[in-house]
Structure formats: C-alpha cells, structure tokens
C-alpha cells in the first residue's frame, strides 16, 4: 500500500508561498497499542496481552530514563529525549526555573542512515529515515 496524498492551497497571504499548491498526506486512520500487539502476536509466539504488557513496560522505562536525563535510542526506531522550552532573560542571574520554563517536551529523531554512506560514494550529509525507505505515494481518491 502507498501513502495517499492530495493537494492543498497555501492560504497565508503574508508568505511567498501564498496561493501555491502543496502535497498533503491523507491519514486513513489510527493504529493503537492493542492493534500493534495483535499484529505482533500473529507473527510471534506471544499473545496480544503479553505484547501489550511489554510495550507498556517499554514506555514506562523510556519515561523514567528520559526523566533521569538520558536519551533513549531504540535501534531501528529512533532517538527520544526530553527538552525544555523557556523564555529568554537578559542576564543569567535573572533566570527562574519556575517562571521561565514554559514546558518540557519529548523530541523524537527517527532512525536514519546517511545517503551515500558507503565506501564508494562520499556521504551527502542528507539522511533518509528508515520508516520512509521504500514507501510509495499515490493520489487519494475520496
């Protein structure tokens, strides 16, 4: 199956891209933990409840590790880390954690490899995400 796309016209008149059409991905639904657990169980000897329990525990461990200041790298999936968003102050002595930290966010960097990253081709610096490797795109009919 391929990603479905449609065209959407950019409506922000203050930008140079105003009026131009851009491709937009169409989401066809959602897959939740229970769905993933069921699909994994079909390809393994584990039951859906066992798979869901493992996923739940992985999420708990990831949360704990990131809250302890560690980045979590799941090979083939990507890198997760917590970061803060804050307001700026003129002088370091004026910074107050309670007042200037706006929020804590989880950042995700998908697993990827550098294009041209082999012995015969010089690396380009560009990265191709593993999730998108081999994906196709087609028009959404609907």
N, C-alpha and C. Protein backbone atom coordinates (compact mmCIF):
# COMPACT_ATOMS: atom_id res chain seq x y z
N UNK A 1 0.84 -1.19 0.00
CA UNK A 1 0.00 0.00 0.00
C UNK A 1 0.88 1.25 0.00
N UNK A 2 0.36 2.32 -0.51
CA UNK A 2 1.13 3.56 -0.64
C UNK A 2 0.51 4.66 0.23
N UNK A 3 1.32 5.69 0.50
CA UNK A 3 0.81 6.88 1.17
C UNK A 3 -0.14 7.58 0.22
N UNK A 4 -1.24 8.08 0.75
CA UNK A 4 -2.21 8.81 -0.06
C UNK A 4 -1.96 10.31 0.11
N UNK A 5 -2.00 11.04 -1.01
CA UNK A 5 -1.80 12.48 -0.95
C UNK A 5 -2.92 13.21 -1.67
N UNK A 6 -3.08 14.48 -1.31
CA UNK A 6 -3.96 15.40 -2.03
C UNK A 6 -3.25 16.74 -2.04
N UNK A 7 -3.74 17.66 -2.85
CA UNK A 7 -3.15 18.99 -2.92
C UNK A 7 -3.92 19.95 -2.03
N UNK A 8 -3.17 20.84 -1.39
CA UNK A 8 -3.77 21.85 -0.53
C UNK A 8 -3.15 23.19 -0.89
N UNK A 9 -4.01 24.20 -1.05
CA UNK A 9 -3.52 25.53 -1.41
C UNK A 9 -3.13 26.28 -0.14
N UNK A 10 -1.93 26.90 -0.17
CA UNK A 10 -1.42 27.66 0.97
C UNK A 10 -2.17 28.98 1.04
N UNK A 11 -2.74 29.31 2.20
CA UNK A 11 -3.65 30.45 2.34
C UNK A 11 -3.06 31.65 3.06
N UNK A 12 -1.82 31.57 3.54
CA UNK A 12 -1.23 32.67 4.30
C UNK A 12 -0.69 33.73 3.34
N UNK A 13 -1.42 34.86 3.23
CA UNK A 13 -1.08 35.90 2.25
C UNK A 13 0.24 36.60 2.56
N UNK A 14 0.74 36.49 3.78
CA UNK A 14 1.99 37.17 4.12
C UNK A 14 3.24 36.37 3.75
N UNK A 15 3.06 35.19 3.21
CA UNK A 15 4.19 34.33 2.84
C UNK A 15 4.34 34.28 1.32
N UNK A 16 5.55 34.05 0.85
CA UNK A 16 5.81 33.96 -0.59
C UNK A 16 5.15 32.74 -1.23
N UNK A 17 4.78 31.76 -0.42
CA UNK A 17 4.15 30.55 -0.95
C UNK A 17 2.63 30.70 -1.07
N UNK A 18 2.09 31.89 -0.80
CA UNK A 18 0.65 32.13 -0.87
C UNK A 18 0.11 31.74 -2.25
N UNK A 19 -0.99 30.99 -2.23
CA UNK A 19 -1.66 30.59 -3.46
C UNK A 19 -1.11 29.35 -4.13
N UNK A 20 0.07 28.90 -3.72
CA UNK A 20 0.68 27.71 -4.33
C UNK A 20 0.05 26.46 -3.72
N UNK A 21 0.09 25.39 -4.49
CA UNK A 21 -0.45 24.11 -4.04
C UNK A 21 0.69 23.21 -3.59
N UNK A 22 0.47 22.53 -2.47
CA UNK A 22 1.46 21.63 -1.90
C UNK A 22 0.81 20.27 -1.63
N UNK A 23 1.62 19.23 -1.73
CA UNK A 23 1.12 17.89 -1.42
C UNK A 23 0.91 17.77 0.08
N UNK A 24 -0.17 17.10 0.46
CA UNK A 24 -0.50 16.87 1.86
C UNK A 24 -0.86 15.39 2.02
N UNK A 25 -0.31 14.75 3.02
CA UNK A 25 -0.61 13.35 3.28
C UNK A 25 -1.99 13.22 3.88
N UNK A 26 -2.72 12.20 3.46
CA UNK A 26 -4.05 11.92 3.99
C UNK A 26 -3.94 10.74 4.95
N UNK A 27 -4.29 10.97 6.20
CA UNK A 27 -4.30 9.87 7.17
C UNK A 27 -5.59 9.08 6.99
N UNK A 28 -5.46 7.77 6.91
CA UNK A 28 -6.61 6.91 6.69
C UNK A 28 -7.14 6.29 7.97
N UNK A 29 -6.48 6.55 9.09
CA UNK A 29 -6.92 6.00 10.36
C UNK A 29 -5.80 6.05 11.37
N UNK A 30 -6.01 5.35 12.47
CA UNK A 30 -5.01 5.26 13.54
C UNK A 30 -4.83 3.80 13.93
N UNK A 31 -3.64 3.48 14.37
CA UNK A 31 -3.34 2.15 14.89
C UNK A 31 -2.87 2.35 16.32
N UNK A 32 -3.54 1.71 17.25
CA UNK A 32 -3.22 1.87 18.68
C UNK A 32 -2.43 0.67 19.19
N UNK A 33 -2.01 0.78 20.43
CA UNK A 33 -1.18 -0.27 21.05
C UNK A 33 -1.81 -1.64 20.93
N UNK A 34 -3.10 -1.75 21.19
CA UNK A 34 -3.77 -3.05 21.11
C UNK A 34 -3.72 -3.62 19.70
N UNK A 35 -3.84 -2.75 18.70
CA UNK A 35 -3.76 -3.19 17.30
C UNK A 35 -2.35 -3.71 16.98
N UNK A 36 -1.35 -2.97 17.44
CA UNK A 36 0.04 -3.38 17.21
C UNK A 36 0.29 -4.70 17.92
N UNK A 37 -0.19 -4.82 19.16
CA UNK A 37 0.00 -6.06 19.93
C UNK A 37 -0.61 -7.25 19.21
N UNK A 38 -1.80 -7.06 18.66
CA UNK A 38 -2.47 -8.14 17.93
C UNK A 38 -1.66 -8.55 16.70
N UNK A 39 -1.18 -7.56 15.94
CA UNK A 39 -0.40 -7.87 14.73
C UNK A 39 0.92 -8.54 15.07
N UNK A 40 1.60 -8.07 16.13
CA UNK A 40 2.86 -8.71 16.55
C UNK A 40 2.59 -10.14 16.98
N UNK A 41 1.49 -10.36 17.70
CA UNK A 41 1.20 -11.72 18.19
C UNK A 41 0.94 -12.68 17.03
N UNK A 42 0.44 -12.18 15.91
CA UNK A 42 0.21 -13.04 14.75
C UNK A 42 1.51 -13.54 14.13
N UNK A 43 2.61 -12.83 14.39
CA UNK A 43 3.90 -13.20 13.80
C UNK A 43 4.88 -13.77 14.81
N UNK A 44 4.43 -13.96 16.05
CA UNK A 44 5.30 -14.48 17.10
C UNK A 44 4.54 -15.50 17.93
N UNK A 45 5.19 -16.01 18.95
CA UNK A 45 4.53 -16.96 19.86
C UNK A 45 3.90 -16.26 21.05
N UNK A 46 3.99 -14.92 21.09
CA UNK A 46 3.42 -14.16 22.21
C UNK A 46 1.95 -13.86 21.97
N UNK A 47 1.18 -13.83 23.06
CA UNK A 47 -0.22 -13.47 22.97
C UNK A 47 -0.36 -11.95 22.98
N UNK A 48 -1.46 -11.40 22.43
CA UNK A 48 -1.64 -9.94 22.39
C UNK A 48 -1.46 -9.26 23.75
N UNK A 49 -1.97 -9.87 24.81
CA UNK A 49 -1.84 -9.29 26.15
C UNK A 49 -0.40 -9.21 26.61
N UNK A 50 0.39 -10.23 26.25
CA UNK A 50 1.80 -10.22 26.61
C UNK A 50 2.54 -9.11 25.85
N UNK A 51 2.25 -8.99 24.56
CA UNK A 51 2.90 -7.95 23.76
C UNK A 51 2.53 -6.57 24.29
N UNK A 52 1.23 -6.36 24.58
CA UNK A 52 0.80 -5.07 25.12
C UNK A 52 1.49 -4.78 26.44
N UNK A 53 1.64 -5.78 27.29
CA UNK A 53 2.34 -5.60 28.56
C UNK A 53 3.79 -5.19 28.36
N UNK A 54 4.44 -5.79 27.38
CA UNK A 54 5.83 -5.43 27.08
C UNK A 54 5.91 -4.00 26.57
N UNK A 55 5.01 -3.63 25.64
CA UNK A 55 5.00 -2.26 25.12
C UNK A 55 4.78 -1.27 26.26
N UNK A 56 3.82 -1.54 27.14
CA UNK A 56 3.54 -0.65 28.27
C UNK A 56 4.77 -0.50 29.16
N UNK A 57 5.49 -1.59 29.39
CA UNK A 57 6.69 -1.53 30.24
C UNK A 57 7.82 -0.77 29.54
N UNK A 58 7.96 -0.93 28.22
CA UNK A 58 8.97 -0.17 27.47
C UNK A 58 8.69 1.32 27.60
N UNK A 59 7.42 1.72 27.47
CA UNK A 59 7.05 3.13 27.61
C UNK A 59 7.40 3.63 29.02
N UNK A 60 7.12 2.84 30.04
CA UNK A 60 7.42 3.24 31.42
C UNK A 60 8.93 3.40 31.63
N UNK A 61 9.72 2.47 31.10
CA UNK A 61 11.18 2.56 31.24
C UNK A 61 11.71 3.76 30.48
N UNK A 62 11.21 3.98 29.26
CA UNK A 62 11.64 5.14 28.48
C UNK A 62 11.35 6.43 29.23
N UNK A 63 10.15 6.54 29.79
CA UNK A 63 9.77 7.74 30.54
C UNK A 63 10.72 7.97 31.70
N UNK A 64 10.98 6.92 32.46
CA UNK A 64 11.87 7.02 33.63
C UNK A 64 13.28 7.43 33.20
N UNK A 65 13.81 6.80 32.16
CA UNK A 65 15.16 7.11 31.70
C UNK A 65 15.28 8.54 31.18
N UNK A 66 14.28 8.99 30.42
CA UNK A 66 14.33 10.37 29.91
C UNK A 66 14.19 11.37 31.05
N UNK A 67 13.35 11.08 32.04
CA UNK A 67 13.19 11.98 33.18
C UNK A 67 14.45 12.01 34.04
N UNK A 68 15.28 10.98 33.91
CA UNK A 68 16.57 10.95 34.62
C UNK A 68 17.67 11.64 33.80
N UNK A 69 17.32 12.18 32.64
CA UNK A 69 18.27 12.94 31.84
C UNK A 69 18.96 12.16 30.74
N UNK A 70 18.50 10.95 30.45
CA UNK A 70 19.12 10.14 29.40
C UNK A 70 18.33 10.22 28.10
N UNK A 71 19.04 10.13 26.99
CA UNK A 71 18.39 9.93 25.70
C UNK A 71 18.11 8.44 25.57
N UNK A 72 16.99 8.09 24.97
CA UNK A 72 16.64 6.68 24.76
C UNK A 72 16.72 6.41 23.27
N UNK A 73 17.58 5.45 22.89
CA UNK A 73 17.73 5.08 21.49
C UNK A 73 17.19 3.66 21.31
N UNK A 74 16.18 3.53 20.48
CA UNK A 74 15.66 2.21 20.14
C UNK A 74 16.09 1.95 18.70
N UNK A 75 17.02 1.02 18.55
CA UNK A 75 17.59 0.72 17.24
C UNK A 75 16.47 0.41 16.24
N UNK A 76 16.55 1.02 15.08
CA UNK A 76 15.55 0.82 14.04
C UNK A 76 14.32 1.70 14.20
N UNK A 77 14.18 2.34 15.34
CA UNK A 77 13.03 3.22 15.59
C UNK A 77 13.48 4.67 15.65
N UNK A 78 14.39 4.97 16.58
CA UNK A 78 14.89 6.33 16.68
C UNK A 78 15.33 6.70 18.07
N UNK A 79 15.56 8.00 18.24
CA UNK A 79 16.12 8.55 19.48
C UNK A 79 15.09 9.49 20.11
N UNK A 80 14.85 9.32 21.39
CA UNK A 80 13.92 10.13 22.16
C UNK A 80 14.68 10.86 23.25
N UNK A 81 14.30 12.13 23.51
CA UNK A 81 14.89 12.86 24.63
C UNK A 81 13.94 13.95 25.07
N UNK A 82 14.03 14.33 26.33
CA UNK A 82 13.23 15.43 26.85
C UNK A 82 14.02 16.72 26.71
N UNK A 83 13.33 17.79 26.36
CA UNK A 83 13.95 19.11 26.25
C UNK A 83 13.02 20.13 26.90
N UNK A 84 13.59 21.26 27.29
CA UNK A 84 12.78 22.32 27.87
C UNK A 84 12.63 23.46 26.87
N UNK A 85 11.50 24.11 26.92
CA UNK A 85 11.28 25.36 26.19
C UNK A 85 11.18 26.44 27.24
N UNK A 86 11.92 27.52 27.05
CA UNK A 86 11.96 28.57 28.07
C UNK A 86 11.90 29.95 27.46
N UNK A 87 11.58 30.91 28.29
CA UNK A 87 11.64 32.32 27.91
C UNK A 87 13.07 32.79 28.14
N UNK A 88 13.51 33.74 27.34
CA UNK A 88 14.85 34.28 27.50
C UNK A 88 14.88 35.41 28.53
N UNK A 89 16.04 35.57 29.15
CA UNK A 89 16.25 36.67 30.10
C UNK A 89 17.52 37.41 29.68
N UNK A 90 17.60 38.65 30.07
CA UNK A 90 18.76 39.49 29.71
C UNK A 90 20.04 39.02 30.40
N UNK A 91 19.92 38.62 31.67
CA UNK A 91 21.10 38.19 32.43
C UNK A 91 20.84 36.84 33.09
N UNK A 92 21.85 35.97 33.11
CA UNK A 92 21.71 34.62 33.66
C UNK A 92 21.20 34.63 35.09
N UNK A 93 21.61 35.60 35.90
CA UNK A 93 21.21 35.64 37.31
C UNK A 93 19.70 35.88 37.47
N UNK A 94 19.04 36.36 36.42
CA UNK A 94 17.61 36.65 36.49
C UNK A 94 16.74 35.44 36.13
N UNK A 95 17.37 34.35 35.66
CA UNK A 95 16.58 33.19 35.23
C UNK A 95 16.01 32.46 36.43
N UNK A 96 14.69 32.20 36.37
CA UNK A 96 13.99 31.48 37.43
C UNK A 96 13.29 30.28 36.79
N UNK A 97 13.63 29.08 37.26
CA UNK A 97 13.08 27.85 36.67
C UNK A 97 11.56 27.86 36.70
N UNK A 98 10.98 28.21 37.82
CA UNK A 98 9.52 28.19 37.95
C UNK A 98 8.82 29.20 37.06
N UNK A 99 9.46 30.30 36.77
CA UNK A 99 8.83 31.36 35.98
C UNK A 99 9.18 31.30 34.49
N UNK A 100 10.39 30.88 34.15
CA UNK A 100 10.86 31.00 32.77
C UNK A 100 10.81 29.70 31.96
N UNK A 101 10.67 28.55 32.61
CA UNK A 101 10.50 27.30 31.87
C UNK A 101 9.03 27.23 31.45
N UNK A 102 8.79 27.21 30.13
CA UNK A 102 7.40 27.16 29.64
C UNK A 102 6.84 25.75 29.71
N UNK A 103 7.63 24.79 29.21
CA UNK A 103 7.16 23.40 29.22
C UNK A 103 8.32 22.46 28.91
N UNK A 104 8.08 21.20 29.21
CA UNK A 104 9.03 20.13 28.89
C UNK A 104 8.41 19.33 27.75
N UNK A 105 9.19 19.06 26.71
CA UNK A 105 8.68 18.35 25.54
C UNK A 105 9.57 17.15 25.22
N UNK A 106 8.97 16.15 24.60
CA UNK A 106 9.71 14.98 24.14
C UNK A 106 10.02 15.18 22.67
N UNK A 107 11.29 15.10 22.31
CA UNK A 107 11.72 15.22 20.92
C UNK A 107 12.08 13.82 20.41
N UNK A 108 11.72 13.58 19.17
CA UNK A 108 11.97 12.28 18.55
C UNK A 108 12.72 12.50 17.25
N UNK A 109 13.83 11.78 17.07
CA UNK A 109 14.60 11.79 15.84
C UNK A 109 14.53 10.38 15.26
N UNK A 110 13.79 10.20 14.16
CA UNK A 110 13.64 8.86 13.59
C UNK A 110 14.98 8.25 13.17
N UNK A 111 15.07 6.94 13.26
CA UNK A 111 16.26 6.23 12.82
C UNK A 111 16.47 6.49 11.33
N UNK A 112 17.73 6.69 10.94
CA UNK A 112 18.03 7.01 9.55
C UNK A 112 19.45 6.59 9.22
N UNK A 113 19.76 6.63 7.95
CA UNK A 113 21.15 6.45 7.53
C UNK A 113 21.49 7.58 6.56
N UNK A 114 22.76 7.90 6.49
CA UNK A 114 23.21 8.98 5.60
C UNK A 114 23.20 8.47 4.17
N UNK A 115 22.68 9.28 3.28
CA UNK A 115 22.67 8.92 1.87
C UNK A 115 24.10 8.92 1.33
N UNK A 116 24.44 7.92 0.55
CA UNK A 116 25.79 7.81 0.01
C UNK A 116 26.79 7.34 1.04
N UNK A 117 26.32 6.78 2.12
CA UNK A 117 27.21 6.39 3.22
C UNK A 117 27.73 4.97 2.99
N UNK A 118 28.52 4.80 1.95
CA UNK A 118 29.23 3.55 1.74
C UNK A 118 30.65 3.88 1.26
N UNK A 119 31.46 2.88 1.04
CA UNK A 119 32.88 3.13 0.73
C UNK A 119 33.09 3.77 -0.64
N UNK A 120 32.15 3.57 -1.56
CA UNK A 120 32.34 4.05 -2.92
C UNK A 120 31.74 5.43 -3.17
N UNK A 121 30.81 5.87 -2.31
CA UNK A 121 30.13 7.14 -2.53
C UNK A 121 30.36 8.03 -1.31
N UNK A 122 30.77 9.27 -1.58
CA UNK A 122 31.00 10.21 -0.49
C UNK A 122 29.66 10.57 0.17
N UNK A 123 29.58 10.54 1.51
CA UNK A 123 28.32 10.89 2.18
C UNK A 123 27.86 12.30 1.81
N UNK A 124 26.55 12.46 1.63
CA UNK A 124 25.99 13.74 1.24
C UNK A 124 25.63 14.61 2.44
N UNK A 125 25.54 14.02 3.62
CA UNK A 125 25.07 14.75 4.79
C UNK A 125 23.57 14.64 4.95
N UNK A 126 22.86 14.29 3.87
CA UNK A 126 21.41 14.09 3.95
C UNK A 126 21.13 12.73 4.58
N UNK A 127 20.01 12.66 5.29
CA UNK A 127 19.62 11.42 5.94
C UNK A 127 18.30 10.91 5.37
N UNK A 128 18.21 9.61 5.20
CA UNK A 128 16.94 9.01 4.80
C UNK A 128 16.42 8.22 5.99
N UNK A 129 15.20 8.56 6.39
CA UNK A 129 14.60 7.88 7.54
C UNK A 129 14.25 6.44 7.17
N UNK A 130 14.53 5.53 8.08
CA UNK A 130 14.28 4.12 7.82
C UNK A 130 12.80 3.83 7.59
N UNK A 131 11.91 4.57 8.29
CA UNK A 131 10.47 4.35 8.12
C UNK A 131 10.00 4.67 6.71
N UNK A 132 10.66 5.60 6.04
CA UNK A 132 10.19 6.02 4.72
C UNK A 132 10.87 5.27 3.58
N UNK A 133 11.88 4.48 3.88
CA UNK A 133 12.57 3.71 2.85
C UNK A 133 11.59 2.79 2.12
N UNK A 134 11.54 2.90 0.81
CA UNK A 134 10.69 2.01 0.02
C UNK A 134 9.22 2.40 -0.02
N UNK A 135 8.85 3.51 0.64
CA UNK A 135 7.44 3.93 0.64
C UNK A 135 7.09 4.53 -0.71
N UNK A 136 5.85 4.30 -1.13
CA UNK A 136 5.34 4.86 -2.39
C UNK A 136 4.27 5.89 -2.07
N UNK A 137 3.98 6.74 -3.04
CA UNK A 137 2.97 7.79 -2.90
C UNK A 137 2.02 7.68 -4.07
N UNK A 138 0.71 7.85 -3.78
CA UNK A 138 -0.29 7.87 -4.84
C UNK A 138 -1.41 8.83 -4.46
N UNK A 139 -2.20 9.25 -5.44
CA UNK A 139 -3.28 10.19 -5.20
C UNK A 139 -4.37 9.56 -4.34
N UNK A 140 -4.93 10.36 -3.46
CA UNK A 140 -6.06 9.96 -2.63
C UNK A 140 -7.34 10.11 -3.46
N UNK A 141 -8.11 9.07 -3.51
CA UNK A 141 -9.38 9.10 -4.24
C UNK A 141 -10.50 9.10 -3.22
N UNK A 142 -11.00 10.27 -2.93
CA UNK A 142 -12.07 10.33 -1.94
C UNK A 142 -12.36 11.72 -1.48
